[in-house]
Amino acid sequence: MKKFSKWASLIIIIIIVGTSCQKDKTAPTIKILSNVYNETQAMKGDTIVFQITAEDEAGVKELRLLEDGVLLHSTQSSSLSYDWYTAQVDSGRHHFTIIATDEEDNQSENKLWVYVNEISFARVEGGTFIMGSNNGEEDEGPEHSVTLDGFEIMKTEVTIGQFACFLNDINCPLDGWVNGERYYFDNIIIRYYVENTFPYQAHPGYENRPIPAITHAGAQAYGEWLGGRLPTEAEWEFACRGGNESQNYLYSGSNDVNEVAVLDQYNWYQVASKKPNELGIYDMSGGVMEWCQDFYDANYYSVSPELNPQGPEAPSNIEDAFYVRRGDTEFWDEEGCKYYSRDSEQFIYSIMGSAVTTGFRIVRPS
């Protein structure tokens, strides 16, 4: 019994001594105060503001901010502020690591990334061309002369990442309704963004895919936000055919549909993954269909003015309106990829979500 008590006392002493000599092993707690989160979407030219603090009982000795493993900024205090300018960086994903070290050299780190979205425009010089075809469907003719002023058009369809920047900037509610207008079909959009999360965060790897399921109103609102608008149907076809540089291909940039068109995927493709047309514009044949500004009228080509046609007048009841869509989806065959192919979607259905295969691109004055 005495022997047991002796060893028990020794064990108690060792535990007490060990506890009294142990350092505080608690790592600092990092807090990000600015609007930077794990999957931040930014437009090229934005400034990302990092405002970071750290807390620790032993005191914070250093805070460091690294981009892709390279030190951007450090401070020997518990707070760090840094402005990261995106104008001169490459588009795509940038990984950031925040490391906090306390006075006892315990460390903690947070990782996040920022995806920089870049929008490129192609210049389309003004000119005259023959629009439509006498060899297509009834509404795709007759062929008629059209003269357009110059403009610029996005080289790619609007992507999931680019649209997220817009939704975040306008504080779009998660149901997609803004001032009585529906901007997107919410049951589809959550496939591409983290569900029920604001700011909108694209799933990693989805940022450079075309955004589908956007209503005509949502596409128009994005265009205004970007300082542009949807293309007229005439502008869309002129750009599709290569403008004044056109080689009169059947598809946008080639007579071989497989060179320029995504045929077997809905929107599960990266934009600009195929060959561009004569003006450096991508994906105007194949992939998602694209909204145009015009209302649809099957007989409009017969009465279209030659100079800068804007499409038919709006119907008296907007819910009866159809809007023009161009391009193609996986649900069509190669016929739908031809430069003159036309399609439409009724207004009332577009806000109820049937336009789930529809994306868009934006034009602006040259």
Protein backbone atom coordinates (compact mmCIF):
# COMPACT_ATOMS: atom_id res chain seq x y z
CA MET A 1 0.00 0.00 0.00
CA LYS A 2 2.84 2.38 0.88
CA LYS A 3 4.54 1.53 -2.39
CA PHE A 4 1.43 2.43 -4.38
CA SER A 5 1.06 5.75 -2.55
CA LYS A 6 4.66 6.65 -3.31
CA TRP A 7 4.23 6.17 -7.06
CA ALA A 8 0.86 7.92 -7.05
CA SER A 9 2.43 10.97 -5.41
CA LEU A 10 5.22 10.99 -7.95
CA ILE A 11 2.76 10.87 -10.85
CA ILE A 12 0.76 13.76 -9.38
CA ILE A 13 3.93 15.83 -9.02
CA ILE A 14 4.96 15.17 -12.60
CA ILE A 15 1.55 16.19 -13.90
CA ILE A 16 1.55 19.39 -11.90
CA VAL A 17 5.07 20.36 -13.00
CA GLY A 18 4.31 19.52 -16.63
CA THR A 19 1.17 21.62 -16.59
CA SER A 20 2.84 24.61 -15.03
CA CYS A 21 5.63 24.60 -17.63
CA GLN A 22 3.38 24.13 -20.72
CA LYS A 23 3.08 27.06 -23.12
CA ASP A 24 -0.21 28.37 -24.45
CA LYS A 25 -0.70 26.26 -27.57
CA THR A 26 -3.76 28.17 -28.79
CA ALA A 27 -3.19 29.52 -32.30
CA PRO A 28 -4.39 33.02 -33.22
CA THR A 29 -7.94 33.52 -34.44
CA ILE A 30 -8.08 35.20 -37.86
CA LYS A 31 -10.96 37.47 -38.83
CA ILE A 32 -11.54 38.93 -42.29
CA LEU A 33 -13.40 42.23 -41.97
CA SER A 34 -13.70 43.20 -45.66
CA ASN A 35 -16.02 41.67 -48.25
CA VAL A 36 -13.58 38.96 -49.28
CA TYR A 37 -14.72 35.39 -48.89
CA ASN A 38 -13.66 31.91 -49.91
CA GLU A 39 -14.90 32.13 -53.50
CA THR A 40 -14.84 35.82 -54.36
CA GLN A 41 -15.78 36.79 -57.93
CA ALA A 42 -14.16 39.94 -59.29
CA MET A 43 -14.13 41.76 -62.60
CA LYS A 44 -10.79 42.70 -64.11
CA GLY A 45 -10.06 46.23 -62.96
CA ASP A 46 -11.67 45.80 -59.52
CA THR A 47 -9.73 46.51 -56.35
CA ILE A 48 -9.97 43.76 -53.72
CA VAL A 49 -9.54 45.17 -50.23
CA PHE A 50 -8.15 42.83 -47.60
CA GLN A 51 -8.83 43.98 -44.02
CA ILE A 52 -7.68 41.33 -41.59
CA THR A 53 -7.29 41.10 -37.83
CA ALA A 54 -6.01 38.35 -35.54
CA GLU A 55 -6.58 37.72 -31.83
CA ASP A 56 -4.53 35.65 -29.39
CA GLU A 57 -4.08 35.60 -25.61
CA ALA A 58 -0.30 35.64 -25.96
CA GLY A 59 -0.41 38.53 -28.41
CA VAL A 60 -0.06 38.56 -32.20
CA LYS A 61 3.48 38.95 -33.46
CA GLU A 62 2.93 38.94 -37.24
CA LEU A 63 0.27 38.80 -39.95
CA ARG A 64 1.17 37.80 -43.51
CA LEU A 65 -0.79 37.75 -46.78
CA LEU A 66 0.48 35.55 -49.62
CA GLU A 67 -0.75 35.13 -53.20
CA ASP A 68 0.03 31.75 -54.75
CA GLY A 69 2.80 31.31 -52.17
CA VAL A 70 4.40 34.72 -52.78
CA LEU A 71 4.38 37.27 -49.95
CA LEU A 72 2.26 40.32 -50.74
CA HIS A 73 2.28 42.10 -47.42
CA SER A 74 3.19 41.55 -43.79
CA THR A 75 2.81 43.51 -40.57
CA GLN A 76 4.17 43.11 -37.04
CA SER A 77 0.80 43.74 -35.48
CA SER A 78 -2.65 42.23 -35.08
CA SER A 79 -4.18 43.97 -38.11
CA LEU A 80 -3.38 44.07 -41.81
CA SER A 81 -4.84 46.11 -44.65
CA TYR A 82 -3.92 45.58 -48.31
CA ASP A 83 -5.40 46.67 -51.64
CA TRP A 84 -4.99 44.09 -54.41
CA TYR A 85 -5.39 45.62 -57.87
CA THR A 86 -6.69 43.23 -60.53
CA ALA A 87 -6.09 45.42 -63.59
CA GLN A 88 -2.60 44.01 -64.21
CA VAL A 89 -3.10 40.40 -63.08
CA ASP A 90 -4.04 37.40 -65.17
CA SER A 91 -7.67 36.39 -65.33
CA GLY A 92 -8.59 33.18 -63.57
CA ARG A 93 -8.25 31.85 -60.02
CA HIS A 94 -5.79 33.37 -57.55
CA HIS A 95 -5.11 31.59 -54.25
CA PHE A 96 -4.47 33.61 -51.07
CA THR A 97 -3.14 32.46 -47.71
CA ILE A 98 -3.37 34.47 -44.49
CA ILE A 99 -0.91 33.42 -41.77
CA ALA A 100 -1.05 34.72 -38.20
CA THR A 101 1.80 34.09 -35.72
CA ASP A 102 1.58 34.81 -31.99
CA GLU A 103 4.34 35.71 -29.54
CA GLU A 104 4.89 32.02 -28.74
CA ASP A 105 5.26 31.17 -32.46
CA ASN A 106 1.93 29.36 -32.70
CA GLN A 107 0.48 29.78 -36.17
CA SER A 108 -2.90 29.63 -37.85
CA GLU A 109 -3.81 30.17 -41.47
CA ASN A 110 -6.85 30.81 -43.63
CA LYS A 111 -7.03 30.04 -47.34
CA LEU A 112 -9.32 31.64 -49.89
CA TRP A 113 -9.35 32.39 -53.59
CA VAL A 114 -10.43 35.20 -55.87
CA TYR A 115 -11.51 34.51 -59.44
CA VAL A 116 -10.76 37.42 -61.79
CA ASN A 117 -13.20 37.59 -64.68
CA GLU A 118 -12.10 39.41 -67.82
CA ILE A 119 -14.47 40.59 -70.53
CA SER A 120 -13.03 41.10 -74.01
CA PHE A 121 -14.82 42.82 -76.86
CA ALA A 122 -14.31 42.46 -80.60
CA ARG A 123 -14.72 45.51 -82.79
CA VAL A 124 -17.18 45.11 -85.64
CA GLU A 125 -16.75 47.80 -88.27
CA GLY A 126 -19.91 49.15 -89.86
CA GLY A 127 -20.87 47.64 -93.20
CA THR A 128 -23.49 46.14 -95.48
CA PHE A 129 -24.33 42.45 -95.79
CA ILE A 130 -27.04 40.11 -96.98
CA MET A 131 -29.04 38.91 -93.99
CA GLY A 132 -31.03 35.71 -93.82
CA SER A 133 -31.22 32.85 -96.30
CA ASN A 134 -33.60 31.67 -98.97
CA ASN A 135 -32.53 28.07 -98.25
CA GLY A 136 -33.62 27.82 -94.63
CA GLU A 137 -36.90 27.76 -92.75
CA GLU A 138 -39.71 30.07 -93.82
CA ASP A 139 -38.92 32.66 -91.12
CA GLU A 140 -35.22 32.72 -92.07
CA GLY A 141 -35.87 34.54 -95.33
CA PRO A 142 -36.10 36.32 -97.58
CA GLU A 143 -32.51 37.40 -98.00
CA HIS A 144 -32.31 41.16 -97.65
CA SER A 145 -29.66 43.87 -97.55
CA VAL A 146 -28.80 45.38 -94.16
CA THR A 147 -26.43 48.24 -93.35
CA LEU A 148 -25.15 48.62 -89.79
CA ASP A 149 -23.12 51.17 -87.89
CA GLY A 150 -20.02 49.88 -86.14
CA PHE A 151 -20.20 48.36 -82.67
CA GLU A 152 -18.30 46.12 -80.27
CA ILE A 153 -19.50 42.70 -79.12
CA MET A 154 -18.29 40.38 -76.38
CA LYS A 155 -15.95 37.72 -77.72
CA THR A 156 -17.64 35.08 -75.55
CA GLU A 157 -20.98 34.47 -73.96
CA VAL A 158 -21.42 35.89 -70.47
CA THR A 159 -19.99 33.39 -68.02
CA ILE A 160 -21.16 32.12 -64.65
CA GLY A 161 -18.40 34.08 -62.91
CA GLN A 162 -19.14 37.31 -64.76
CA PHE A 163 -22.84 37.09 -63.96
CA ALA A 164 -22.02 36.49 -60.28
CA CYS A 165 -20.16 39.81 -60.17
CA PHE A 166 -23.30 41.54 -61.45
CA LEU A 167 -25.63 39.78 -58.99
CA ASN A 168 -23.36 40.65 -56.07
CA ASP A 169 -22.94 44.27 -57.12
CA ILE A 170 -26.71 44.87 -57.28
CA ASN A 171 -27.36 42.79 -54.13
CA CYS A 172 -29.73 40.55 -56.06
CA PRO A 173 -32.02 38.53 -53.76
CA LEU A 174 -31.51 34.79 -53.83
CA ASP A 175 -34.88 34.25 -55.50
CA GLY A 176 -33.73 36.22 -58.57
CA TRP A 177 -36.47 38.87 -58.41
CA VAL A 178 -35.46 42.54 -58.65
CA ASN A 179 -38.05 45.34 -58.63
CA GLY A 180 -40.77 43.03 -59.85
CA GLU A 181 -38.68 41.45 -62.64
CA ARG A 182 -37.21 37.98 -62.61
CA TYR A 183 -33.54 37.90 -63.63
CA TYR A 184 -32.90 34.17 -63.56
CA PHE A 185 -34.58 30.84 -63.03
CA ASP A 186 -33.68 30.03 -59.43
CA ASN A 187 -34.17 26.25 -59.57
CA ILE A 188 -31.52 26.09 -62.29
CA ILE A 189 -29.12 28.75 -61.07
CA ILE A 190 -28.33 26.85 -57.87
CA ARG A 191 -26.68 24.21 -60.00
CA TYR A 192 -23.91 26.69 -60.75
CA TYR A 193 -23.74 28.71 -57.53
CA VAL A 194 -23.39 27.65 -53.91
CA GLU A 195 -26.97 27.17 -52.75
CA ASN A 196 -28.61 29.84 -50.57
CA THR A 197 -25.37 31.79 -50.16
CA PHE A 198 -24.84 35.51 -50.59
CA PRO A 199 -22.61 36.85 -52.03
CA TYR A 200 -23.16 34.56 -55.01
CA GLN A 201 -20.31 32.05 -55.22
CA ALA A 202 -19.68 29.97 -58.33
CA HIS A 203 -18.78 26.35 -57.80
CA PRO A 204 -15.02 25.98 -58.43
CA GLY A 205 -14.40 25.12 -62.07
CA TYR A 206 -17.72 26.59 -63.23
CA GLU A 207 -16.61 30.22 -63.51
CA ASN A 208 -15.74 30.16 -67.21
CA ARG A 209 -18.81 28.28 -68.41
CA PRO A 210 -21.62 30.20 -70.12
CA ILE A 211 -24.45 31.19 -67.80
CA PRO A 212 -27.80 29.69 -68.86
CA ALA A 213 -31.33 30.08 -67.47
CA ILE A 214 -31.22 33.88 -67.67
CA THR A 215 -34.41 35.74 -68.51
CA HIS A 216 -34.54 38.43 -71.17
CA ALA A 217 -34.95 41.02 -68.40
CA GLY A 218 -31.92 39.66 -66.56
CA ALA A 219 -29.81 39.80 -69.71
CA GLN A 220 -30.92 43.37 -70.40
CA ALA A 221 -30.13 44.41 -66.83
CA TYR A 222 -26.64 42.90 -67.07
CA GLY A 223 -26.06 44.81 -70.31
CA GLU A 224 -27.04 48.11 -68.70
CA TRP A 225 -24.79 47.33 -65.72
CA LEU A 226 -21.89 46.76 -68.12
CA GLY A 227 -22.64 49.93 -70.10
CA GLY A 228 -24.10 48.14 -73.10
CA ARG A 229 -27.16 46.19 -74.22
CA LEU A 230 -28.26 43.04 -75.99
CA PRO A 231 -27.41 42.92 -79.71
CA THR A 232 -30.08 43.44 -82.30
CA GLU A 233 -30.72 40.36 -84.40
CA ALA A 234 -28.99 42.05 -87.34
CA GLU A 235 -25.93 42.90 -85.25
CA TRP A 236 -25.79 39.35 -83.95
CA GLU A 237 -25.86 37.81 -87.44
CA PHE A 238 -23.34 40.30 -88.85
CA ALA A 239 -20.91 39.51 -86.02
CA CYS A 240 -21.60 35.78 -86.34
CA ARG A 241 -20.64 35.87 -90.02
CA GLY A 242 -17.41 37.77 -89.38
CA GLY A 243 -18.54 41.28 -90.31
CA ASN A 244 -16.62 42.83 -93.17
CA GLU A 245 -14.00 40.07 -92.84
CA SER A 246 -16.54 37.35 -93.62
CA GLN A 247 -15.42 34.36 -95.67
CA ASN A 248 -19.08 33.39 -96.16
CA TYR A 249 -18.83 30.29 -94.03
CA LEU A 250 -21.98 28.34 -93.26
CA TYR A 251 -21.16 28.38 -89.54
CA SER A 252 -19.50 31.09 -87.48
CA GLY A 253 -15.87 30.78 -88.59
CA SER A 254 -15.88 27.54 -90.60
CA ASN A 255 -17.74 25.24 -92.96
CA ASP A 256 -16.87 22.41 -90.57
CA VAL A 257 -19.32 22.63 -87.69
CA ASN A 258 -17.07 20.59 -85.38
CA GLU A 259 -14.31 23.20 -85.60
CA VAL A 260 -16.43 25.99 -84.16
CA ALA A 261 -19.52 24.56 -82.45
CA VAL A 262 -20.17 22.73 -79.19
CA LEU A 263 -22.79 20.19 -80.23
CA ASP A 264 -22.98 17.60 -77.50
CA GLN A 265 -23.01 19.67 -74.31
CA TYR A 266 -25.63 21.91 -72.75
CA ASN A 267 -23.44 24.43 -70.95
CA TRP A 268 -20.88 21.97 -69.63
CA TYR A 269 -18.08 23.57 -71.59
CA GLN A 270 -15.59 26.38 -71.15
CA VAL A 271 -16.22 29.39 -73.35
CA ALA A 272 -13.70 29.95 -76.16
CA SER A 273 -12.86 26.25 -76.29
CA LYS A 274 -13.46 26.09 -80.04
CA LYS A 275 -12.01 27.99 -83.00
CA PRO A 276 -13.06 31.69 -83.25
CA ASN A 277 -14.54 33.29 -86.33
CA GLU A 278 -12.91 35.90 -88.57
CA LEU A 279 -13.28 38.63 -85.91
CA GLY A 280 -12.02 36.54 -83.01
CA ILE A 281 -15.52 35.86 -81.65
CA TYR A 282 -16.28 32.47 -80.08
CA ASP A 283 -19.24 30.11 -79.77
CA MET A 284 -21.77 31.88 -81.97
CA SER A 285 -22.54 28.48 -83.46
CA GLY A 286 -23.40 25.78 -80.95
CA GLY A 287 -23.56 25.80 -77.18
CA VAL A 288 -26.30 27.79 -75.46
CA MET A 289 -28.72 29.93 -77.46
CA GLU A 290 -28.37 33.68 -77.04
CA TRP A 291 -30.90 36.42 -76.44
CA CYS A 292 -31.22 39.26 -78.91
CA GLN A 293 -32.82 42.62 -78.23
CA ASP A 294 -35.53 42.21 -80.87
CA PHE A 295 -39.07 41.03 -80.54
CA TYR A 296 -39.74 38.11 -82.86
CA ASP A 297 -41.91 38.19 -85.97
CA ALA A 298 -41.73 35.36 -88.48
CA ASN A 299 -42.42 37.81 -91.34
CA TYR A 300 -40.16 40.65 -90.21
CA TYR A 301 -37.50 40.09 -92.86
CA SER A 302 -40.04 41.04 -95.54
CA VAL A 303 -40.52 44.52 -94.07
CA SER A 304 -37.21 45.13 -92.30
CA PRO A 305 -35.61 48.52 -92.98
CA GLU A 306 -32.14 48.39 -94.48
CA LEU A 307 -30.40 50.76 -92.05
CA ASN A 308 -29.85 49.51 -88.49
CA PRO A 309 -33.04 47.44 -88.12
CA GLN A 310 -34.29 47.23 -84.54
CA GLY A 311 -36.88 44.49 -84.94
CA PRO A 312 -40.68 44.69 -84.89
CA GLU A 313 -42.69 46.91 -82.55
CA ALA A 314 -43.62 45.54 -79.14
CA PRO A 315 -47.05 43.92 -78.93
CA SER A 316 -49.76 45.68 -76.94
CA ASN A 317 -49.63 42.91 -74.32
CA ILE A 318 -46.03 42.24 -73.32
CA GLU A 319 -46.94 38.75 -72.11
CA ASP A 320 -47.74 37.86 -75.71
CA ALA A 321 -44.29 38.95 -76.87
CA PHE A 322 -41.67 36.61 -78.28
CA TYR A 323 -37.98 37.53 -78.19
CA VAL A 324 -35.42 36.39 -80.75
CA ARG A 325 -32.83 33.80 -79.75
CA ARG A 326 -29.82 32.88 -81.88
CA GLY A 327 -27.16 30.18 -81.84
CA ASP A 328 -27.81 26.60 -80.83
CA THR A 329 -28.13 24.09 -78.00
CA GLU A 330 -27.47 20.40 -77.63
CA PHE A 331 -31.14 19.79 -78.39
CA TRP A 332 -30.73 20.91 -82.01
CA ASP A 333 -28.75 19.38 -84.85
CA GLU A 334 -26.23 21.08 -87.11
CA GLU A 335 -29.01 23.00 -88.86
CA GLY A 336 -29.43 25.14 -85.77
CA CYS A 337 -25.76 26.15 -85.90
CA LYS A 338 -25.98 27.83 -89.30
CA TYR A 339 -25.51 31.58 -89.31
CA TYR A 340 -29.08 32.31 -90.40
CA SER A 341 -30.89 29.95 -87.99
CA ARG A 342 -33.57 31.69 -85.88
CA ASP A 343 -35.46 30.78 -82.73
CA SER A 344 -37.69 32.60 -80.24
CA GLU A 345 -39.03 32.35 -76.71
CA GLN A 346 -42.29 33.79 -75.42
CA PHE A 347 -41.94 36.39 -72.68
CA ILE A 348 -44.20 34.66 -70.20
CA TYR A 349 -42.30 31.38 -70.54
CA SER A 350 -38.93 33.05 -70.26
CA ILE A 351 -39.75 34.30 -66.76
CA MET A 352 -41.10 30.90 -65.73
CA GLY A 353 -37.84 29.20 -66.52
CA SER A 354 -38.36 27.41 -69.82
CA ALA A 355 -35.43 29.34 -71.30
CA VAL A 356 -32.99 27.14 -69.37
CA THR A 357 -30.80 26.72 -72.45
CA THR A 358 -30.48 30.46 -73.10
CA GLY A 359 -27.47 32.64 -72.41
CA PHE A 360 -26.36 35.92 -73.96
CA ARG A 361 -23.57 38.32 -74.84
CA ILE A 362 -23.47 42.12 -74.80
CA VAL A 363 -22.72 44.81 -77.39
CA ARG A 364 -21.63 48.40 -76.83
CA PRO A 365 -20.91 51.42 -79.03
CA SER A 366 -17.58 51.32 -80.82
